[in-house]
Amino acid sequence: MARRPEGWTLSRDARTGVWFARFRHDGRQFSRSTRETDRGEALTVAARIHAEVASGARRVGVARREPLARLTSEWL
């Protein structure tokens, strides 16, 4: 069985040319846009994105667990 690589990799969107940082953390796979088309700049941004997620500085989306009736009343 192959070992998973540590760190991150870059993949490029063929349509837009934007680079994406791809990595795994805590069993979840992430694919975050670097918003860069230059590979050199994308490398720097990808390293920062990976470090923020791994250190906990960048929180992953957390769903609110609220009853629908309460959310509806707040909205109204």
Protein backbone atom coordinates (compact mmCIF):
# COMPACT_ATOMS: atom_id res chain seq x y z
CA MET A 1 0.00 0.00 0.00
CA ALA A 2 1.35 3.39 -0.95
CA ARG A 3 2.04 6.01 1.66
CA ARG A 4 0.16 9.30 1.44
CA PRO A 5 2.38 12.30 0.80
CA GLU A 6 2.77 14.81 3.61
CA GLY A 7 2.19 18.49 3.04
CA TRP A 8 0.35 19.79 0.01
CA THR A 9 0.36 19.67 -3.77
CA LEU A 10 -0.67 22.19 -6.40
CA SER A 11 -3.15 21.49 -9.16
CA ARG A 12 -4.17 23.91 -11.87
CA ASP A 13 -7.69 24.53 -13.12
CA ALA A 14 -7.41 24.10 -16.90
CA ARG A 15 -10.29 26.46 -17.59
CA THR A 16 -9.23 29.46 -15.48
CA GLY A 17 -5.52 28.83 -14.91
CA VAL A 18 -5.89 29.34 -11.14
CA TRP A 19 -3.78 27.12 -8.85
CA PHE A 20 -5.37 25.07 -6.05
CA ALA A 21 -3.67 23.75 -2.91
CA ARG A 22 -4.69 20.13 -2.26
CA PHE A 23 -3.95 18.38 1.04
CA ARG A 24 -5.37 16.16 3.77
CA HIS A 25 -5.72 17.11 7.42
CA ASP A 26 -7.44 15.16 10.21
CA GLY A 27 -8.77 12.65 7.69
CA ARG A 28 -10.44 15.30 5.53
CA GLN A 29 -9.37 16.28 2.04
CA PHE A 30 -9.06 19.99 1.27
CA SER A 31 -8.87 21.78 -2.07
CA ARG A 32 -8.44 25.51 -1.51
CA SER A 33 -7.97 28.12 -4.21
CA THR A 34 -4.79 30.17 -4.03
CA ARG A 35 -6.42 32.78 -6.30
CA GLU A 36 -3.13 33.00 -8.19
CA THR A 37 -2.28 32.20 -11.81
CA ASP A 38 1.48 32.53 -11.30
CA ARG A 39 2.98 29.28 -9.97
CA GLY A 40 5.60 31.06 -7.84
CA GLU A 41 3.01 33.14 -6.00
CA ALA A 42 0.72 30.10 -5.70
CA LEU A 43 3.48 28.14 -3.93
CA THR A 44 3.76 30.82 -1.27
CA VAL A 45 0.00 31.12 -0.79
CA ALA A 46 -0.47 27.32 -0.69
CA ALA A 47 2.13 26.97 2.06
CA ARG A 48 0.33 29.66 4.09
CA ILE A 49 -3.10 28.04 3.58
CA HIS A 50 -1.80 24.62 4.63
CA ALA A 51 -0.11 26.05 7.73
CA GLU A 52 -3.26 27.94 8.77
CA VAL A 53 -5.48 24.85 8.50
CA ALA A 54 -2.95 22.56 10.21
CA SER A 55 -2.42 24.98 13.13
CA GLY A 56 -6.12 25.66 13.60
CA ALA A 57 -5.86 29.35 12.74
CA ARG A 58 -8.24 28.88 9.81
CA ARG A 59 -11.43 27.21 10.95
CA VAL A 60 -13.21 24.76 8.74
CA GLY A 61 -16.89 25.51 8.16
CA VAL A 62 -19.07 24.51 11.10
CA ALA A 63 -22.80 23.99 10.59
CA ARG A 64 -25.20 25.49 13.10
CA ARG A 65 -27.37 22.93 14.84
CA GLU A 66 -30.44 25.05 15.46
CA PRO A 67 -34.09 23.95 15.23
CA LEU A 68 -35.74 25.05 12.01
CA ALA A 69 -38.58 26.79 13.86
CA ARG A 70 -36.16 28.98 15.79
CA LEU A 71 -34.19 29.93 12.67
CA THR A 72 -37.41 30.74 10.84
CA SER A 73 -38.66 32.96 13.66
CA GLU A 74 -35.35 34.84 13.75
CA TRP A 75 -35.52 35.33 10.00
CA LEU A 76 -39.07 36.66 10.16
